[in-house]
PDB file of N, CA and C in Angstrom:
ATOM      1  N   MET A   1       8.520 199.664 -56.749  1.00  0.00           N
ATOM      2  CA  MET A   1       9.012 199.531 -55.177  1.00  0.00           C
ATOM      3  C   MET A   1       8.415 200.700 -54.609  1.00  0.00           C
ATOM      4  N   LYS A   2       8.554 200.263 -53.300  1.00  0.00           N
ATOM      5  CA  LYS A   2       7.321 201.325 -52.058  1.00  0.00           C
ATOM      6  C   LYS A   2       8.543 200.905 -50.977  1.00  0.00           C
ATOM      7  N   THR A   3       8.339 201.864 -49.861  1.00  0.00           N
ATOM      8  CA  THR A   3       9.410 202.054 -49.142  1.00  0.00           C
ATOM      9  C   THR A   3       8.644 202.152 -47.588  1.00  0.00           C
ATOM     10  N   LEU A   4       8.914 201.211 -46.889  1.00  0.00           N
ATOM     11  CA  LEU A   4       8.461 201.112 -45.546  1.00  0.00           C
ATOM     12  C   LEU A   4       9.168 202.290 -44.606  1.00  0.00           C
ATOM     13  N   ARG A   5       8.626 202.840 -44.249  1.00  0.00           N
ATOM     14  CA  ARG A   5       8.915 204.352 -44.056  1.00  0.00           C
ATOM     15  C   ARG A   5       8.561 204.033 -42.320  1.00  0.00           C
ATOM     16  N   LYS A   6       7.321 203.783 -41.983  1.00  0.00           N
ATOM     17  CA  LYS A   6       7.177 203.221 -40.048  1.00  0.00           C
ATOM     18  C   LYS A   6       6.695 202.469 -40.189  1.00  0.00           C
ATOM     19  N   ILE A   7       6.729 201.914 -38.650  1.00  0.00           N
ATOM     20  CA  ILE A   7       6.028 200.648 -38.482  1.00  0.00           C
ATOM     21  C   ILE A   7       5.280 201.008 -37.048  1.00  0.00           C
ATOM     22  N   ASP A   8       4.134 200.618 -37.165  1.00  0.00           N
ATOM     23  CA  ASP A   8       3.314 200.660 -35.808  1.00  0.00           C
ATOM     24  C   ASP A   8       4.025 199.704 -34.587  1.00  0.00           C
ATOM     25  N   PRO A   9       4.582 200.643 -33.587  1.00  0.00           N
ATOM     26  CA  PRO A   9       5.011 200.036 -32.415  1.00  0.00           C
ATOM     27  C   PRO A   9       4.135 198.609 -31.729  1.00  0.00           C
ATOM     28  N   MET A  10       3.065 199.396 -31.519  1.00  0.00           N
ATOM     29  CA  MET A  10       1.933 198.143 -30.749  1.00  0.00           C
ATOM     30  C   MET A  10       1.673 197.100 -31.496  1.00  0.00           C
ATOM     31  N   SER A  11       1.608 197.202 -32.753  1.00  0.00           N
ATOM     32  CA  SER A  11       1.029 195.948 -33.958  1.00  0.00           C
ATOM     33  C   SER A  11       2.423 194.833 -33.602  1.00  0.00           C
ATOM     34  N   THR A  12       3.623 195.570 -33.606  1.00  0.00           N
ATOM     35  CA  THR A  12       4.927 195.035 -33.845  1.00  0.00           C
ATOM     36  C   THR A  12       5.054 193.974 -32.548  1.00  0.00           C
ATOM     37  N   ALA A  13       4.818 194.723 -31.300  1.00  0.00           N
ATOM     38  CA  ALA A  13       5.118 194.064 -29.925  1.00  0.00           C
ATOM     39  C   ALA A  13       3.927 193.212 -29.845  1.00  0.00           C
ATOM     40  N   LYS A  14       2.454 193.392 -30.385  1.00  0.00           N
ATOM     41  CA  LYS A  14       1.552 192.148 -30.358  1.00  0.00           C
ATOM     42  C   LYS A  14       1.940 190.666 -31.098  1.00  0.00           C
ATOM     43  N   VAL A  15       2.568 191.341 -32.353  1.00  0.00           N
ATOM     44  CA  VAL A  15       3.349 190.009 -33.014  1.00  0.00           C
ATOM     45  C   VAL A  15       4.431 189.240 -32.342  1.00  0.00           C
ATOM     46  N   SER A  16       5.202 190.131 -32.047  1.00  0.00           N
ATOM     47  CA  SER A  16       6.519 189.615 -31.091  1.00  0.00           C
ATOM     48  C   SER A  16       6.334 188.665 -29.947  1.00  0.00           C
ATOM     49  N   ALA A  17       5.286 189.227 -29.064  1.00  0.00           N
ATOM     50  CA  ALA A  17       4.977 188.747 -28.056  1.00  0.00           C
ATOM     51  C   ALA A  17       4.189 187.490 -28.272  1.00  0.00           C
ATOM     52  N   ILE A  18       3.000 187.244 -29.569  1.00  0.00           N
ATOM     53  CA  ILE A  18       2.722 186.115 -29.598  1.00  0.00           C
ATOM     54  C   ILE A  18       3.625 184.914 -30.234  1.00  0.00           C
ATOM     55  N   GLY A  19       4.810 185.576 -30.961  1.00  0.00           N
ATOM     56  CA  GLY A  19       5.711 184.580 -31.388  1.00  0.00           C
ATOM     57  C   GLY A  19       6.786 184.290 -30.075  1.00  0.00           C
ATOM     58  N   GLY A  20       6.404 185.101 -29.233  1.00  0.00           N
ATOM     59  CA  GLY A  20       7.554 184.600 -27.864  1.00  0.00           C
ATOM     60  C   GLY A  20       6.816 183.468 -26.945  1.00  0.00           C
ATOM     61  N   VAL A  21       5.212 183.584 -27.031  1.00  0.00           N
ATOM     62  CA  VAL A  21       4.704 182.661 -26.305  1.00  0.00           C
ATOM     63  C   VAL A  21       4.840 181.221 -27.077  1.00  0.00           C
ATOM     64  N   ILE A  22       4.583 181.310 -28.368  1.00  0.00           N
ATOM     65  CA  ILE A  22       4.707 179.786 -29.036  1.00  0.00           C
ATOM     66  C   ILE A  22       6.361 179.558 -28.839  1.00  0.00           C
ATOM     67  N   TRP A  23       7.213 180.176 -29.022  1.00  0.00           N
ATOM     68  CA  TRP A  23       8.792 179.594 -28.490  1.00  0.00           C
ATOM     69  C   TRP A  23       8.980 179.222 -27.235  1.00  0.00           C
ATOM     70  N   GLY A  24       7.910 180.315 -26.006  1.00  0.00           N
ATOM     71  CA  GLY A  24       8.016 179.644 -25.038  1.00  0.00           C
ATOM     72  C   GLY A  24       7.209 178.136 -24.755  1.00  0.00           C
ATOM     73  N   LEU A  25       6.598 178.278 -25.117  1.00  0.00           N
ATOM     74  CA  LEU A  25       5.701 176.915 -25.440  1.00  0.00           C
ATOM     75  C   LEU A  25       6.481 175.511 -25.732  1.00  0.00           C
ATOM     76  N   ILE A  26       7.354 176.002 -27.125  1.00  0.00           N
ATOM     77  CA  ILE A  26       8.425 175.031 -27.428  1.00  0.00           C
ATOM     78  C   ILE A  26       9.331 174.708 -26.587  1.00  0.00           C
ATOM     79  N   VAL A  27       9.752 175.658 -25.940  1.00  0.00           N
ATOM     80  CA  VAL A  27      10.738 175.446 -25.208  1.00  0.00           C
ATOM     81  C   VAL A  27      10.347 174.711 -23.793  1.00  0.00           C
ATOM     82  N   GLY A  28       9.468 174.837 -23.524  1.00  0.00           N
ATOM     83  CA  GLY A  28       8.511 174.536 -22.041  1.00  0.00           C
ATOM     84  C   GLY A  28       8.504 172.939 -22.420  1.00  0.00           C
ATOM     85  N   ILE A  29       8.049 172.682 -23.269  1.00  0.00           N
ATOM     86  CA  ILE A  29       7.801 171.223 -23.735  1.00  0.00           C
ATOM     87  C   ILE A  29       9.077 170.534 -23.872  1.00  0.00           C
ATOM     88  N   LEU A  30      10.237 170.861 -24.305  1.00  0.00           N
ATOM     89  CA  LEU A  30      11.325 170.545 -24.352  1.00  0.00           C
ATOM     90  C   LEU A  30      11.907 170.124 -23.440  1.00  0.00           C
ATOM     91  N   MET A  31      11.733 171.320 -22.279  1.00  0.00           N
ATOM     92  CA  MET A  31      12.300 171.146 -20.805  1.00  0.00           C
ATOM     93  C   MET A  31      11.884 170.250 -20.209  1.00  0.00           C
ATOM     94  N   VAL A  32       9.963 169.969 -20.370  1.00  0.00           N
ATOM     95  CA  VAL A  32       9.325 168.831 -19.561  1.00  0.00           C
ATOM     96  C   VAL A  32       9.962 167.349 -20.156  1.00  0.00           C
ATOM     97  N   VAL A  33      10.032 167.048 -21.517  1.00  0.00           N
ATOM     98  CA  VAL A  33      10.811 166.193 -22.064  1.00  0.00           C
ATOM     99  C   VAL A  33      12.291 165.894 -21.296  1.00  0.00           C
ATOM    100  N   GLY A  34      12.842 166.694 -21.355  1.00  0.00           N
ATOM    101  CA  GLY A  34      14.449 166.766 -20.834  1.00  0.00           C
ATOM    102  C   GLY A  34      14.248 166.131 -19.378  1.00  0.00           C
ATOM    103  N   THR A  35      13.593 166.735 -18.537  1.00  0.00           N
ATOM    104  CA  THR A  35      13.407 166.640 -17.263  1.00  0.00           C
ATOM    105  C   THR A  35      13.032 164.814 -17.053  1.00  0.00           C
ATOM    106  N   GLY A  36      12.061 164.808 -17.655  1.00  0.00           N
ATOM    107  CA  GLY A  36      11.265 163.353 -17.724  1.00  0.00           C
ATOM    108  C   GLY A  36      12.667 162.360 -18.217  1.00  0.00           C
ATOM    109  N   VAL A  37      13.631 162.570 -18.993  1.00  0.00           N
ATOM    110  CA  VAL A  37      14.579 161.814 -19.423  1.00  0.00           C
ATOM    111  C   VAL A  37      15.818 162.056 -18.082  1.00  0.00           C
ATOM    112  N   THR A  38      15.844 162.814 -17.435  1.00  0.00           N
ATOM    113  CA  THR A  38      16.813 163.014 -16.530  1.00  0.00           C
ATOM    114  C   THR A  38      16.441 162.835 -15.058  1.00  0.00           C
ATOM    115  N   GLU A  39      15.024 162.266 -15.281  1.00  0.00           N
ATOM    116  CA  GLU A  39      14.303 161.628 -14.225  1.00  0.00           C
ATOM    117  C   GLU A  39      14.423 159.937 -14.084  1.00  0.00           C
ATOM    118  N   TYR A  40      14.228 159.809 -15.586  1.00  0.00           N
ATOM    119  CA  TYR A  40      14.603 158.086 -15.654  1.00  0.00           C
ATOM    120  C   TYR A  40      16.047 157.554 -15.591  1.00  0.00           C
ATOM    121  N   MET A  41      16.857 158.690 -16.035  1.00  0.00           N
ATOM    122  CA  MET A  41      18.490 158.638 -15.836  1.00  0.00           C
ATOM    123  C   MET A  41      18.576 158.697 -14.514  1.00  0.00           C
ATOM    124  N   GLY A  42      18.289 158.641 -13.633  1.00  0.00           N
ATOM    125  CA  GLY A  42      18.652 159.244 -12.154  1.00  0.00           C
ATOM    126  C   GLY A  42      19.753 159.011 -11.630  1.00  0.00           C
ATOM    127  N   ARG A  43      20.654 158.229 -12.649  1.00  0.00           N
ATOM    128  CA  ARG A  43      22.127 157.909 -11.826  1.00  0.00           C
ATOM    129  C   ARG A  43      22.728 159.177 -11.875  1.00  0.00           C
ATOM    130  N   PHE A  44      22.719 160.113 -13.091  1.00  0.00           N
ATOM    131  CA  PHE A  44      23.201 161.549 -13.215  1.00  0.00           C
ATOM    132  C   PHE A  44      22.880 162.467 -11.877  1.00  0.00           C
ATOM    133  N   PHE A  45      21.719 162.540 -11.671  1.00  0.00           N
ATOM    134  CA  PHE A  45      21.189 163.525 -10.715  1.00  0.00           C
ATOM    135  C   PHE A  45      20.665 162.690  -9.404  1.00  0.00           C
ATOM    136  N   MET A  46      21.512 161.915  -8.966  1.00  0.00           N
ATOM    137  CA  MET A  46      21.001 161.171  -7.500  1.00  0.00           C
ATOM    138  C   MET A  46      20.802 162.269  -6.771  1.00  0.00           C
ATOM    139  N   GLY A  47      19.565 161.950  -5.896  1.00  0.00           N
ATOM    140  CA  GLY A  47      18.977 162.734  -4.878  1.00  0.00           C
ATOM    141  C   GLY A  47      18.226 163.720  -5.006  1.00  0.00           C
ATOM    142  N   TYR A  48      18.312 164.009  -6.272  1.00  0.00           N
ATOM    143  CA  TYR A  48      17.096 165.324  -7.105  1.00  0.00           C
ATOM    144  C   TYR A  48      16.024 164.735  -7.888  1.00  0.00           C
ATOM    145  N   GLN A  49      16.149 163.375  -8.216  1.00  0.00           N
ATOM    146  CA  GLN A  49      14.984 162.741  -8.987  1.00  0.00           C
ATOM    147  C   GLN A  49      13.718 163.283  -8.852  1.00  0.00           C
ATOM    148  N   ARG A  50      13.195 163.533  -7.731  1.00  0.00           N
ATOM    149  CA  ARG A  50      12.084 163.751  -7.134  1.00  0.00           C
ATOM    150  C   ARG A  50      11.546 165.246  -7.653  1.00  0.00           C
ATOM    151  N   LEU A  51      12.368 166.094  -7.873  1.00  0.00           N
ATOM    152  CA  LEU A  51      12.170 167.536  -7.739  1.00  0.00           C
ATOM    153  C   LEU A  51      12.318 167.737  -9.074  1.00  0.00           C
ATOM    154  N   MET A  52      12.717 167.039 -10.254  1.00  0.00           N
ATOM    155  CA  MET A  52      13.061 167.309 -11.834  1.00  0.00           C
ATOM    156  C   MET A  52      11.950 167.558 -12.248  1.00  0.00           C
ATOM    157  N   PRO A  53      10.756 166.593 -12.511  1.00  0.00           N
ATOM    158  CA  PRO A  53       9.394 167.083 -12.948  1.00  0.00           C
ATOM    159  C   PRO A  53       8.793 168.533 -12.650  1.00  0.00           C
ATOM    160  N   ILE A  54       8.992 168.710 -11.521  1.00  0.00           N
ATOM    161  CA  ILE A  54       8.325 170.099 -11.178  1.00  0.00           C
ATOM    162  C   ILE A  54       9.028 171.032 -11.734  1.00  0.00           C
ATOM    163  N   GLY A  55      10.445 171.166 -12.176  1.00  0.00           N
ATOM    164  CA  GLY A  55      11.039 172.310 -12.824  1.00  0.00           C
ATOM    165  C   GLY A  55      10.528 172.007 -14.237  1.00  0.00           C
ATOM    166  N   GLY A  56      10.533 171.201 -14.879  1.00  0.00           N
ATOM    167  CA  GLY A  56       9.592 171.064 -16.284  1.00  0.00           C
ATOM    168  C   GLY A  56       8.402 171.574 -16.275  1.00  0.00           C
ATOM    169  N   THR A  57       7.346 171.339 -15.209  1.00  0.00           N
ATOM    170  CA  THR A  57       6.160 172.074 -14.810  1.00  0.00           C
ATOM    171  C   THR A  57       6.204 173.180 -15.165  1.00  0.00           C
ATOM    172  N   VAL A  58       6.786 173.930 -14.053  1.00  0.00           N
ATOM    173  CA  VAL A  58       6.933 175.295 -13.663  1.00  0.00           C
ATOM    174  C   VAL A  58       7.770 176.026 -15.067  1.00  0.00           C
ATOM    175  N   ALA A  59       8.494 175.384 -15.858  1.00  0.00           N
ATOM    176  CA  ALA A  59       9.258 175.912 -17.093  1.00  0.00           C
ATOM    177  C   ALA A  59       8.242 176.107 -18.137  1.00  0.00           C
ATOM    178  N   LEU A  60       7.173 174.984 -18.214  1.00  0.00           N
ATOM    179  CA  LEU A  60       6.074 175.245 -19.202  1.00  0.00           C
ATOM    180  C   LEU A  60       5.130 176.070 -19.081  1.00  0.00           C
ATOM    181  N   ILE A  61       4.755 176.698 -17.758  1.00  0.00           N
ATOM    182  CA  ILE A  61       3.718 177.693 -17.392  1.00  0.00           C
ATOM    183  C   ILE A  61       4.954 179.085 -17.556  1.00  0.00           C
ATOM    184  N   ALA A  62       6.089 179.025 -16.846  1.00  0.00           N
ATOM    185  CA  ALA A  62       6.958 180.286 -16.572  1.00  0.00           C
ATOM    186  C   ALA A  62       7.566 180.847 -18.126  1.00  0.00           C
ATOM    187  N   LEU A  63       8.189 179.889 -18.727  1.00  0.00           N
ATOM    188  CA  LEU A  63       8.646 180.344 -20.136  1.00  0.00           C
ATOM    189  C   LEU A  63       7.682 181.101 -21.010  1.00  0.00           C
ATOM    190  N   PRO A  64       6.272 180.326 -21.155  1.00  0.00           N
ATOM    191  CA  PRO A  64       5.500 181.358 -22.530  1.00  0.00           C
ATOM    192  C   PRO A  64       5.395 182.541 -21.838  1.00  0.00           C
ATOM    193  N   ILE A  65       5.206 182.818 -20.464  1.00  0.00           N
ATOM    194  CA  ILE A  65       4.927 183.785 -19.798  1.00  0.00           C
ATOM    195  C   ILE A  65       5.758 185.198 -20.202  1.00  0.00           C
ATOM    196  N   ALA A  66       7.375 184.627 -19.693  1.00  0.00           N
ATOM    197  CA  ALA A  66       8.501 185.067 -19.723  1.00  0.00           C
ATOM    198  C   ALA A  66       8.794 185.839 -21.059  1.00  0.00           C
ATOM    199  N   TYR A  67       8.716 184.788 -22.116  1.00  0.00           N
ATOM    200  CA  TYR A  67       8.958 185.106 -23.457  1.00  0.00           C
ATOM    201  C   TYR A  67       8.154 186.083 -24.239  1.00  0.00           C
ATOM    202  N   GLY A  68       6.920 185.999 -23.765  1.00  0.00           N
ATOM    203  CA  GLY A  68       5.730 186.472 -24.331  1.00  0.00           C
ATOM    204  C   GLY A  68       6.032 188.221 -23.741  1.00  0.00           C
ATOM    205  N   ILE A  69       6.369 188.354 -22.682  1.00  0.00           N
ATOM    206  CA  ILE A  69       6.710 189.530 -21.704  1.00  0.00           C
ATOM    207  C   ILE A  69       8.004 190.329 -22.596  1.00  0.00           C
ATOM    208  N   THR A  70       8.687 189.563 -22.620  1.00  0.00           N
ATOM    209  CA  THR A  70       9.911 189.890 -23.295  1.00  0.00           C
ATOM    210  C   THR A  70      10.329 190.256 -25.117  1.00  0.00           C
ATOM    211  N   GLY A  71       8.912 189.296 -25.748  1.00  0.00           N
ATOM    212  CA  GLY A  71       8.637 189.917 -26.963  1.00  0.00           C
ATOM    213  C   GLY A  71       8.140 191.040 -26.931  1.00  0.00           C
ATOM    214  N   LEU A  72       7.036 191.106 -26.206  1.00  0.00           N
ATOM    215  CA  LEU A  72       6.009 192.359 -26.181  1.00  0.00           C
ATOM    216  C   LEU A  72       7.098 193.682 -26.155  1.00  0.00           C
ATOM    217  N   ILE A  73       7.825 193.993 -25.054  1.00  0.00           N
ATOM    218  CA  ILE A  73       8.716 194.698 -24.610  1.00  0.00           C
ATOM    219  C   ILE A  73       9.693 194.978 -26.198  1.00  0.00           C
ATOM    220  N   GLY A  74      10.268 193.982 -26.284  1.00  0.00           N
ATOM    221  CA  GLY A  74      11.638 193.903 -27.562  1.00  0.00           C
ATOM    222  C   GLY A  74      10.799 194.380 -28.514  1.00  0.00           C
ATOM    223  N   GLY A  75       9.457 193.934 -29.227  1.00  0.00           N
ATOM    224  CA  GLY A  75       8.933 194.282 -30.395  1.00  0.00           C
ATOM    225  C   GLY A  75       8.661 195.682 -30.371  1.00  0.00           C
ATOM    226  N   TYR A  76       8.104 196.348 -29.099  1.00  0.00           N
ATOM    227  CA  TYR A  76       7.949 197.682 -29.283  1.00  0.00           C
ATOM    228  C   TYR A  76       9.304 198.703 -29.571  1.00  0.00           C
ATOM    229  N   ILE A  77      10.541 198.075 -28.462  1.00  0.00           N
ATOM    230  CA  ILE A  77      11.488 198.857 -29.053  1.00  0.00           C
ATOM    231  C   ILE A  77      12.347 198.659 -30.030  1.00  0.00           C
ATOM    232  N   VAL A  78      12.195 197.776 -31.017  1.00  0.00           N
ATOM    233  CA  VAL A  78      12.799 197.470 -31.976  1.00  0.00           C
ATOM    234  C   VAL A  78      11.794 198.564 -33.458  1.00  0.00           C
ATOM    235  N   ALA A  79      10.518 198.551 -33.027  1.00  0.00           N
ATOM    236  CA  ALA A  79       9.733 199.234 -33.628  1.00  0.00           C
ATOM    237  C   ALA A  79      10.011 200.518 -33.554  1.00  0.00           C
ATOM    238  N   LEU A  80      10.695 201.491 -32.494  1.00  0.00           N
ATOM    239  CA  LEU A  80      10.623 202.495 -32.082  1.00  0.00           C
ATOM    240  C   LEU A  80      12.257 202.826 -32.823  1.00  0.00           C
ATOM    241  N   VAL A  81      13.289 201.879 -32.912  1.00  0.00           N
ATOM    242  CA  VAL A  81      14.228 202.269 -33.127  1.00  0.00           C
ATOM    243  C   VAL A  81      14.094 202.097 -34.910  1.00  0.00           C
ATOM    244  N   TYR A  82      13.331 201.114 -35.274  1.00  0.00           N
ATOM    245  CA  TYR A  82      13.054 201.406 -36.627  1.00  0.00           C
ATOM    246  C   TYR A  82      12.808 202.839 -37.337  1.00  0.00           C
ATOM    247  N   ASN A  83      11.914 203.006 -36.294  1.00  0.00           N
ATOM    248  CA  ASN A  83      11.314 204.076 -36.855  1.00  0.00           C
ATOM    249  C   ASN A  83      12.016 205.763 -37.007  1.00  0.00           C
ATOM    250  N   PHE A  84      13.023 205.835 -35.719  1.00  0.00           N
ATOM    251  CA  PHE A  84      13.850 206.716 -35.879  1.00  0.00           C
ATOM    252  C   PHE A  84      14.941 206.539 -36.688  1.00  0.00           C
ATOM    253  N   ILE A  85      15.437 205.438 -37.152  1.00  0.00           N
ATOM    254  CA  ILE A  85      16.121 205.158 -38.177  1.00  0.00           C
ATOM    255  C   ILE A  85      15.945 205.346 -39.448  1.00  0.00           C
ATOM    256  N   ALA A  86      14.485 205.190 -39.687  1.00  0.00           N
ATOM    257  CA  ALA A  86      13.713 205.414 -40.796  1.00  0.00           C
ATOM    258  C   ALA A  86      13.639 206.572 -41.699  1.00  0.00           C
ATOM    259  N   GLU A  87      13.578 207.312 -40.473  1.00  0.00           N
ATOM    260  CA  GLU A  87      12.960 208.790 -40.847  1.00  0.00           C
ATOM    261  C   GLU A  87      14.666 209.517 -40.894  1.00  0.00           C
ATOM    262  N   LYS A  88      15.608 209.478 -40.257  1.00  0.00           N
ATOM    263  CA  LYS A  88      16.775 209.762 -40.260  1.00  0.00           C
ATOM    264  C   LYS A  88      17.540 209.404 -41.905  1.00  0.00           C
ATOM    265  N   PHE A  89      17.443 208.254 -42.111  1.00  0.00           N
ATOM    266  CA  PHE A  89      18.244 207.828 -43.073  1.00  0.00           C
ATOM    267  C   PHE A  89      17.303 207.036 -44.273  1.00  0.00           C
ATOM    268  N   GLY A  90      16.108 206.687 -44.660  1.00  0.00           N
ATOM    269  CA  GLY A  90      15.378 206.263 -44.853  1.00  0.00           C
ATOM    270  C   GLY A  90      14.839 204.799 -44.888  1.00  0.00           C
ATOM    271  N   GLY A  91      13.673 204.168 -45.413  1.00  0.00           N
ATOM    272  CA  GLY A  91      12.924 202.923 -44.859  1.00  0.00           C
ATOM    273  C   GLY A  91      13.979 201.904 -45.362  1.00  0.00           C
ATOM    274  N   ILE A  92      13.126 200.823 -45.595  1.00  0.00           N
ATOM    275  CA  ILE A  92      13.479 199.760 -46.415  1.00  0.00           C
ATOM    276  C   ILE A  92      12.628 199.607 -47.607  1.00  0.00           C
ATOM    277  N   LYS A  93      13.076 199.390 -49.007  1.00  0.00           N
ATOM    278  CA  LYS A  93      12.393 199.211 -50.041  1.00  0.00           C
ATOM    279  C   LYS A  93      11.900 197.837 -50.119  1.00  0.00           C
ATOM    280  N   ILE A  94      10.645 198.025 -50.412  1.00  0.00           N
ATOM    281  CA  ILE A  94      10.148 196.740 -50.929  1.00  0.00           C
ATOM    282  C   ILE A  94       9.279 196.707 -51.995  1.00  0.00           C
ATOM    283  N   ASP A  95       8.898 195.562 -52.365  1.00  0.00           N
ATOM    284  CA  ASP A  95       7.942 195.601 -53.657  1.00  0.00           C
ATOM    285  C   ASP A  95       6.970 194.613 -53.455  1.00  0.00           C
ATOM    286  N   LEU A  96       5.786 195.160 -53.318  1.00  0.00           N
ATOM    287  CA  LEU A  96       4.589 194.644 -53.074  1.00  0.00           C
ATOM    288  C   LEU A  96       3.646 194.070 -54.272  1.00  0.00           C
ATOM    289  N   LYS A  97       3.552 192.987 -54.620  1.00  0.00           N
ATOM    290  CA  LYS A  97       3.145 192.614 -55.558  1.00  0.00           C
ATOM    291  C   LYS A  97       2.020 191.233 -55.606  1.00  0.00           C
TER     292      LYS A  97
END
């Protein structure tokens, strides 16, 4: 058994940011599809049909950026907190085979 005593905050932040961008793309695509469906079924959104696809397109661009930034900051903070806790109480024991 090995003990994970320290995590590099920047590498954790990079991986979290990439995961955030991927998740943001997935959610953005779902929003584009969802806004397309609501555009098609305009009876639920009378008067707003022409603006709906724009919101989905903006989400497709904005969400990966926002999720990526959030993942970067969050991953860095989580690694710092882990390092602090692991230093005080011990790290996670893992079996590397």
